[in-house]
């Protein structure tokens, strides 16, 4: 009954706001907000492509290199395969030139005889923006529109421009298709904290993370998160390895649909079975550091990639104080730069990302283990932290 009520509310909103939702919306592409018709929701059609390889056409003035990079990324991360054609009069992806915005015209496939248009501007030539829209075309919803999103974020509609409300409401059709995958602040389909804000307003926050450590991690817009690709593979590739020899994957990993003998692993973990955290250069020092009742210090500086495990005794947790840290100063902290920290029990989730300058910042783990990646990109980057068991 609750779900039916939610669907009814969604449809009423769609009807009452048809002008904003169905027509093309204009918004700053840096916020990754574009328009798409809600036809799929109205028809209760999950928009799944059924003919493979998925055919695609690249029209005049479209950045061919960018589209091909995106296609290769999807083929690398999933079992999906694509075929470029010169003429497209059936289901598929039709990449067209857009003057300003990246957009997908629909959430999911339109029909077996009509291709789905994806708008591609010349600038910015951002791979992440195109991946975002292609995921929509393949039927994946914004993370912050999941029906369970209220457990993880607060949407401040007072700060959202009315034109973009449709991009923030819960979707009771696609929002239920989570395949048991947890909410992911680091999803490429998650908006950043000020997306769609009312211009000129002092308080620009439209999305507030209920876990404050992820506040600057939302809206990374660079590449798939691990759970983005897991969701995509659950949707399209779930039977790919069903007749192969069973393998055990750890920490939320799963059989790689492109090679069923090894696992597809969460960030920080290495194949073949995702059991171990990736190795680091010798200069990084010890990978496994046992937490005691007294604070110990961990530090590193310069251009280097280091992985560390901070581990407490059973039934204890780890407390971290980032005494000082400095890395590239950006409004959104992204994976692969600065400090990336997994402090939750579920290690398949994206890490919380920390960048710019940080001082005396405290984190307490959910379980007995914390995994840290330091990704120094400049000789001036560094971190100093203290940790102990509690």
Protein backbone atom coordinates (compact mmCIF):
# COMPACT_ATOMS: atom_id res chain seq x y z
CA UNK A 1 0.00 0.00 0.00
CA UNK A 2 2.81 2.39 0.92
CA UNK A 3 4.56 1.71 -2.38
CA UNK A 4 1.33 2.28 -4.37
CA UNK A 5 0.80 5.55 -2.55
CA UNK A 6 4.36 6.56 -3.45
CA UNK A 7 3.79 5.73 -7.12
CA UNK A 8 0.58 7.78 -7.09
CA UNK A 9 2.43 10.75 -5.59
CA UNK A 10 5.17 10.42 -8.22
CA UNK A 11 2.62 10.38 -11.06
CA UNK A 12 0.70 13.34 -9.63
CA UNK A 13 3.95 15.28 -9.42
CA UNK A 14 4.78 14.35 -13.02
CA UNK A 15 1.38 15.47 -14.30
CA UNK A 16 1.38 18.72 -12.33
CA UNK A 17 4.93 19.54 -13.39
CA UNK A 18 4.85 18.27 -16.94
CA UNK A 19 6.35 21.44 -18.33
CA UNK A 20 9.44 21.10 -16.15
CA UNK A 21 9.89 17.33 -16.37
CA UNK A 22 8.93 16.46 -19.92
CA UNK A 23 10.45 19.45 -21.70
CA UNK A 24 14.19 19.96 -21.89
CA UNK A 25 15.49 21.70 -18.77
CA UNK A 26 18.47 24.03 -18.85
CA UNK A 27 20.97 23.92 -16.05
CA UNK A 28 24.70 24.26 -15.51
CA UNK A 29 26.36 21.10 -16.83
CA UNK A 30 28.78 21.10 -13.90
CA UNK A 31 25.89 19.99 -11.68
CA UNK A 32 25.23 17.04 -13.98
CA UNK A 33 21.54 17.87 -14.13
CA UNK A 34 19.86 17.33 -17.47
CA UNK A 35 16.35 16.63 -18.60
CA UNK A 36 14.77 13.36 -19.58
CA UNK A 37 11.21 12.42 -20.43
CA UNK A 38 9.34 10.51 -17.73
CA UNK A 39 7.64 8.33 -20.34
CA UNK A 40 9.22 5.24 -18.81
CA UNK A 41 7.76 5.90 -15.36
CA UNK A 42 4.33 6.58 -16.80
CA UNK A 43 4.35 3.33 -18.73
CA UNK A 44 5.78 1.22 -15.85
CA UNK A 45 8.49 0.21 -18.34
CA UNK A 46 11.87 -0.48 -16.78
CA UNK A 47 13.52 0.47 -20.07
CA UNK A 48 15.89 -2.46 -20.31
CA UNK A 49 17.72 -2.98 -23.61
CA UNK A 50 17.09 -6.49 -24.92
CA UNK A 51 18.98 -6.66 -28.23
CA UNK A 52 22.76 -7.13 -28.11
CA UNK A 53 25.20 -5.86 -29.05
CA UNK A 54 23.62 -2.47 -28.48
CA UNK A 55 23.88 -0.50 -31.69
CA UNK A 56 24.99 3.10 -31.61
CA UNK A 57 25.42 5.93 -34.08
CA UNK A 58 27.71 8.96 -33.75
CA UNK A 59 26.27 11.94 -35.59
CA UNK A 60 27.98 14.95 -37.16
CA UNK A 61 29.90 17.32 -34.83
CA UNK A 62 29.87 14.82 -31.94
CA UNK A 63 33.16 14.22 -30.13
CA UNK A 64 33.91 10.75 -31.53
CA UNK A 65 36.90 10.15 -29.26
CA UNK A 66 34.87 10.88 -26.12
CA UNK A 67 32.02 8.57 -27.16
CA UNK A 68 34.42 5.74 -28.02
CA UNK A 69 36.18 6.14 -24.65
CA UNK A 70 32.83 5.87 -22.90
CA UNK A 71 31.84 2.79 -24.93
CA UNK A 72 35.15 1.10 -24.04
CA UNK A 73 34.60 1.93 -20.36
CA UNK A 74 31.20 0.19 -20.40
CA UNK A 75 32.66 -2.85 -22.15
CA UNK A 76 35.52 -2.99 -19.65
CA UNK A 77 33.24 -2.74 -16.59
CA UNK A 78 30.35 -4.93 -17.74
CA UNK A 79 29.34 -7.70 -20.13
CA UNK A 80 27.63 -5.16 -22.40
CA UNK A 81 28.85 -4.96 -25.97
CA UNK A 82 28.20 -2.24 -28.51
CA UNK A 83 28.26 -2.03 -32.31
CA UNK A 84 28.78 1.22 -34.20
CA UNK A 85 26.53 1.69 -37.23
CA UNK A 86 26.09 4.42 -39.84
CA UNK A 87 22.29 4.21 -39.88
CA UNK A 88 20.13 3.55 -36.83
CA UNK A 89 16.41 2.93 -37.29
CA UNK A 90 15.89 0.61 -34.34
CA UNK A 91 16.61 0.41 -30.63
CA UNK A 92 20.05 1.70 -29.71
CA UNK A 93 21.97 4.82 -28.70
CA UNK A 94 21.95 7.83 -31.01
CA UNK A 95 24.71 10.26 -30.01
CA UNK A 96 23.81 13.73 -31.25
CA UNK A 97 25.47 17.14 -30.97
CA UNK A 98 24.23 19.32 -28.11
CA UNK A 99 25.10 23.01 -27.86
CA UNK A 100 25.48 23.12 -24.08
CA UNK A 101 24.48 20.03 -22.12
CA UNK A 102 25.03 16.33 -21.78
CA UNK A 103 21.65 14.62 -21.60
CA UNK A 104 19.78 11.36 -22.17
CA UNK A 105 16.30 11.88 -23.54
CA UNK A 106 14.83 8.99 -21.56
CA UNK A 107 15.46 6.82 -18.54
CA UNK A 108 15.88 3.45 -20.24
CA UNK A 109 15.25 2.18 -23.75
CA UNK A 110 12.37 3.82 -25.61
CA UNK A 111 11.22 0.88 -27.77
CA UNK A 112 12.50 -1.83 -30.11
CA UNK A 113 12.17 0.47 -33.12
CA UNK A 114 13.21 3.90 -31.81
CA UNK A 115 16.79 4.79 -30.79
CA UNK A 116 17.44 6.81 -27.63
CA UNK A 117 19.18 10.14 -28.15
CA UNK A 118 22.13 11.17 -26.00
CA UNK A 119 23.26 14.78 -26.30
CA UNK A 120 27.02 15.42 -26.32
CA UNK A 121 28.44 18.99 -26.28
CA UNK A 122 31.93 19.86 -27.50
CA UNK A 123 32.92 21.25 -24.11
CA UNK A 124 33.48 20.15 -21.45
CA UNK A 125 34.81 16.89 -22.89
CA UNK A 126 34.22 15.05 -19.61
CA UNK A 127 34.10 11.26 -19.72
CA UNK A 128 32.28 11.11 -16.38
CA UNK A 129 29.44 13.31 -17.62
CA UNK A 130 28.86 11.03 -20.61
CA UNK A 131 29.04 7.87 -18.46
CA UNK A 132 26.41 9.45 -16.18
CA UNK A 133 24.00 10.00 -19.08
CA UNK A 134 24.66 6.61 -20.66
CA UNK A 135 23.79 4.94 -17.36
CA UNK A 136 20.48 6.79 -17.43
CA UNK A 137 19.94 5.62 -21.01
CA UNK A 138 20.50 2.05 -19.80
CA UNK A 139 17.85 2.52 -17.12
CA UNK A 140 19.82 3.50 -13.99
CA UNK A 141 18.32 6.17 -11.77
CA UNK A 142 20.01 8.98 -9.85
CA UNK A 143 21.25 7.65 -6.52
CA UNK A 144 19.58 10.44 -4.57
CA UNK A 145 16.19 9.53 -6.11
CA UNK A 146 16.14 6.03 -4.62
CA UNK A 147 13.12 5.36 -2.42
CA UNK A 148 15.41 4.72 0.57
CA UNK A 149 17.36 7.95 0.14
CA UNK A 150 15.88 9.60 3.26
CA UNK A 151 17.98 7.25 5.38
CA UNK A 152 21.13 8.72 3.85
CA UNK A 153 20.50 12.29 2.68
CA UNK A 154 18.25 15.24 3.39
CA UNK A 155 16.95 17.13 0.35
CA UNK A 156 16.53 20.82 1.13
CA UNK A 157 13.78 21.71 -1.35
CA UNK A 158 13.79 25.30 -0.06
CA UNK A 159 17.16 25.69 -1.78
CA UNK A 160 16.29 23.80 -4.99
CA UNK A 161 15.25 25.88 -7.98
CA UNK A 162 11.67 24.90 -8.82
CA UNK A 163 12.69 24.09 -12.40
CA UNK A 164 14.76 21.19 -11.11
CA UNK A 165 12.49 19.69 -8.43
CA UNK A 166 11.81 16.74 -10.74
CA UNK A 167 15.48 15.74 -10.46
CA UNK A 168 15.21 15.44 -6.68
CA UNK A 169 11.92 13.66 -6.01
CA UNK A 170 11.96 9.99 -5.07
CA UNK A 171 11.17 7.72 -8.01
CA UNK A 172 8.87 4.89 -6.91
CA UNK A 173 9.26 3.09 -10.26
CA UNK A 174 13.01 2.98 -10.92
CA UNK A 175 13.90 3.83 -7.31
CA UNK A 176 12.98 0.32 -6.16
CA UNK A 177 15.34 -1.39 -8.62
CA UNK A 178 18.34 -1.53 -6.30
CA UNK A 179 19.04 -5.30 -6.57
CA UNK A 180 19.93 -5.28 -2.88
CA UNK A 181 22.80 -2.84 -3.42
CA UNK A 182 23.34 -0.29 -0.68
CA UNK A 183 23.07 3.47 -1.11
CA UNK A 184 26.36 4.88 -2.39
CA UNK A 185 27.43 8.48 -1.76
CA UNK A 186 30.28 7.94 -4.23
CA UNK A 187 28.06 6.94 -7.15
CA UNK A 188 28.63 8.76 -10.42
CA UNK A 189 24.83 9.10 -10.45
CA UNK A 190 24.79 11.12 -7.21
CA UNK A 191 24.48 14.91 -7.43
CA UNK A 192 26.85 17.12 -5.51
CA UNK A 193 25.71 18.98 -2.42
CA UNK A 194 24.82 22.27 -4.17
CA UNK A 195 23.34 20.89 -7.38
CA UNK A 196 20.32 22.77 -8.73
CA UNK A 197 20.45 25.51 -6.09
CA UNK A 198 18.56 28.78 -6.37
CA UNK A 199 20.93 31.38 -7.78
CA UNK A 200 21.79 34.23 -5.49
CA UNK A 201 20.85 32.40 -2.32
CA UNK A 202 23.49 32.41 0.42
CA UNK A 203 22.77 28.86 1.56
CA UNK A 204 23.28 26.74 -1.56
CA UNK A 205 23.10 23.27 -0.01
CA UNK A 206 20.43 21.17 -1.71
CA UNK A 207 21.64 17.70 -0.60
CA UNK A 208 23.00 17.09 2.88
CA UNK A 209 24.62 13.76 3.71
CA UNK A 210 23.33 12.26 6.94
CA UNK A 211 26.78 10.76 7.37
CA UNK A 212 28.74 14.04 7.53
CA UNK A 213 32.04 12.39 6.53
CA UNK A 214 30.61 12.01 3.01
CA UNK A 215 29.46 15.62 2.63
CA UNK A 216 32.18 16.54 0.12
CA UNK A 217 32.28 13.10 -1.54
CA UNK A 218 28.92 13.42 -3.31
CA UNK A 219 28.96 14.31 -7.00
CA UNK A 220 32.40 12.92 -7.90
CA UNK A 221 31.46 12.84 -11.62
CA UNK A 222 34.69 11.15 -12.73
CA UNK A 223 34.06 7.45 -13.26
CA UNK A 224 31.81 4.56 -12.18
CA UNK A 225 31.94 3.66 -8.51
CA UNK A 226 32.27 -0.05 -7.75
CA UNK A 227 28.58 -0.21 -6.86
CA UNK A 228 27.59 1.59 -10.07
CA UNK A 229 29.11 -1.22 -12.10
CA UNK A 230 27.74 -3.87 -9.75
CA UNK A 231 24.24 -2.48 -10.27
CA UNK A 232 24.76 -2.33 -14.05
CA UNK A 233 25.97 -5.93 -14.09
CA UNK A 234 23.10 -7.11 -11.88
CA UNK A 235 20.72 -5.52 -14.35
CA UNK A 236 22.27 -6.84 -17.56
CA UNK A 237 24.79 -9.58 -16.76
CA UNK A 238 23.43 -11.56 -13.81
CA UNK A 239 23.33 -14.86 -15.74
CA UNK A 240 26.70 -14.48 -17.42
CA UNK A 241 28.56 -16.71 -14.95
CA UNK A 242 25.73 -18.99 -13.80
CA UNK A 243 27.04 -22.04 -15.70
CA UNK A 244 30.67 -21.47 -14.72
CA UNK A 245 32.52 -22.98 -11.79
CA UNK A 246 31.57 -21.21 -8.56
CA UNK A 247 34.16 -18.92 -7.00
CA UNK A 248 34.18 -17.14 -3.65
CA UNK A 249 34.50 -13.36 -3.77
CA UNK A 250 35.14 -11.35 -0.61
CA UNK A 251 34.14 -7.89 0.62
CA UNK A 252 31.17 -7.55 -1.71
CA UNK A 253 33.01 -8.63 -4.84
CA UNK A 254 31.29 -10.80 -7.45
CA UNK A 255 32.27 -12.95 -10.46
CA UNK A 256 33.54 -10.73 -13.27
CA UNK A 257 31.14 -11.15 -16.21
CA UNK A 258 34.08 -10.65 -18.59
CA UNK A 259 36.09 -13.40 -16.90
CA UNK A 260 34.09 -15.64 -14.59
CA UNK A 261 37.23 -17.20 -13.07
CA UNK A 262 38.09 -14.02 -11.17
CA UNK A 263 36.13 -11.51 -9.10
CA UNK A 264 35.29 -7.91 -9.78
CA UNK A 265 36.54 -6.15 -6.68
CA UNK A 266 35.64 -3.06 -4.66
CA UNK A 267 38.08 -0.17 -4.63
CA UNK A 268 41.19 -0.86 -2.50
CA UNK A 269 40.92 -4.65 -3.02
CA UNK A 270 42.77 -6.73 -5.59
CA UNK A 271 41.73 -9.67 -7.76
CA UNK A 272 41.47 -12.57 -8.12
CA UNK A 273 39.14 -12.89 -5.10
CA UNK A 274 39.09 -9.46 -3.40
CA UNK A 275 40.43 -10.96 -0.20
CA UNK A 276 43.39 -8.64 0.21
CA UNK A 277 43.96 -4.90 0.09
CA UNK A 278 46.26 -3.79 -2.73
CA UNK A 279 50.00 -3.67 -2.13
CA UNK A 280 51.89 -0.40 -1.72
CA UNK A 281 55.45 0.73 -2.52
CA UNK A 282 57.99 -0.08 0.18
CA UNK A 283 58.32 3.62 1.01
CA UNK A 284 54.74 3.60 2.38
CA UNK A 285 55.76 1.44 5.32
CA UNK A 286 53.61 -1.20 7.03
CA UNK A 287 50.28 -1.98 5.40
CA UNK A 288 48.65 -3.54 8.49
CA UNK A 289 48.79 -1.40 11.62
CA UNK A 290 47.35 -2.74 14.88
CA UNK A 291 45.53 -0.17 16.99
CA UNK A 292 46.17 -0.11 20.75
CA UNK A 293 44.70 1.91 23.60
CA UNK A 294 47.30 4.61 23.05
CA UNK A 295 47.43 6.88 20.04
CA UNK A 296 49.92 5.96 17.32
CA UNK A 297 50.95 8.13 14.38
CA UNK A 298 50.75 7.42 10.67
CA UNK A 299 52.06 9.90 8.11
CA UNK A 300 53.22 10.25 4.52
CA UNK A 301 53.96 13.00 2.03
CA UNK A 302 54.67 13.52 -1.65
CA UNK A 303 53.61 11.84 -4.87
CA UNK A 304 52.81 8.26 -3.97
CA UNK A 305 49.92 5.79 -3.64
CA UNK A 306 49.74 4.05 -0.26
CA UNK A 307 47.20 1.65 1.28
CA UNK A 308 46.93 1.17 5.02
CA UNK A 309 44.81 -1.06 7.25
CA UNK A 310 44.16 0.11 10.80
CA UNK A 311 42.87 -2.83 12.80
CA UNK A 312 41.54 -3.04 16.36
CA UNK A 313 40.89 -6.12 18.46
CA UNK A 314 37.60 -8.00 18.09
CA UNK A 315 34.58 -6.03 19.36
CA UNK A 316 36.56 -2.80 19.35
CA UNK A 317 36.61 0.13 16.96
CA UNK A 318 39.24 2.48 15.60
CA UNK A 319 39.29 6.20 16.30
CA UNK A 320 41.20 8.39 13.87
CA UNK A 321 42.21 12.02 14.21
CA UNK A 322 43.52 13.58 11.02
CA UNK A 323 45.92 16.02 12.67
CA UNK A 324 46.85 17.69 9.40
CA UNK A 325 46.41 16.84 5.74
CA UNK A 326 46.80 18.78 2.50
CA UNK A 327 45.99 17.92 -1.10
CA UNK A 328 44.47 19.52 -4.17
CA UNK A 329 41.82 22.04 -3.14
CA UNK A 330 38.54 21.33 -4.92
CA UNK A 331 34.86 21.85 -3.97
CA UNK A 332 34.24 18.11 -4.40
CA UNK A 333 36.74 15.59 -3.02
CA UNK A 334 37.20 12.71 -5.44
CA UNK A 335 38.56 9.17 -5.26
CA UNK A 336 42.16 8.88 -6.33
CA UNK A 337 43.31 12.12 -4.73
CA UNK A 338 44.09 13.09 -1.14
CA UNK A 339 42.80 10.80 1.60
CA UNK A 340 40.16 8.16 0.80
CA UNK A 341 38.92 6.37 3.92
CA UNK A 342 36.70 3.30 4.34
CA UNK A 343 35.48 3.34 7.94
CA UNK A 344 32.12 1.56 7.53
CA UNK A 345 31.70 -2.20 8.01
CA UNK A 346 30.57 -2.63 4.41
CA UNK A 347 33.83 -2.30 2.49
CA UNK A 348 32.06 -2.43 -0.89
CA UNK A 349 30.82 1.12 -0.31
CA UNK A 350 32.73 4.06 -1.72
CA UNK A 351 35.29 5.64 0.61
CA UNK A 352 34.77 9.02 2.18
CA UNK A 353 37.09 11.42 0.36
CA UNK A 354 39.03 14.26 1.97
CA UNK A 355 40.90 16.98 0.14
CA UNK A 356 42.16 20.55 0.48
CA UNK A 357 43.45 21.35 3.99
CA UNK A 358 42.15 19.39 6.98
CA UNK A 359 43.05 19.79 10.64
CA UNK A 360 41.99 17.88 13.78
CA UNK A 361 39.25 15.93 12.02
CA UNK A 362 37.90 12.89 13.87
CA UNK A 363 36.41 9.67 12.49
CA UNK A 364 35.31 6.59 14.42
CA UNK A 365 35.00 3.30 12.57
CA UNK A 366 31.79 1.28 12.46
CA UNK A 367 33.67 -2.01 12.85
CA UNK A 368 37.16 -3.06 13.87
CA UNK A 369 38.90 -2.07 10.65
CA UNK A 370 39.63 1.09 8.70
CA UNK A 371 41.24 1.14 5.27
CA UNK A 372 43.01 4.27 4.08
CA UNK A 373 44.31 5.20 0.68
CA UNK A 374 46.69 8.14 0.48
CA UNK A 375 46.92 9.36 -3.12
CA UNK A 376 49.51 12.12 -3.22
CA UNK A 377 49.44 14.02 -6.50
CA UNK A 378 51.89 16.79 -5.60
CA UNK A 379 55.19 17.01 -3.75
CA UNK A 380 53.40 19.30 -1.29
CA UNK A 381 50.63 16.80 -0.48
CA UNK A 382 50.84 15.14 2.94
CA UNK A 383 48.90 13.73 5.86
CA UNK A 384 49.54 13.15 9.55
CA UNK A 385 46.98 11.17 11.52
CA UNK A 386 46.71 9.46 14.88
CA UNK A 387 44.74 6.33 15.63
CA UNK A 388 43.84 4.12 18.59
CA UNK A 389 41.34 1.43 19.56
CA UNK A 390 38.26 2.25 21.61
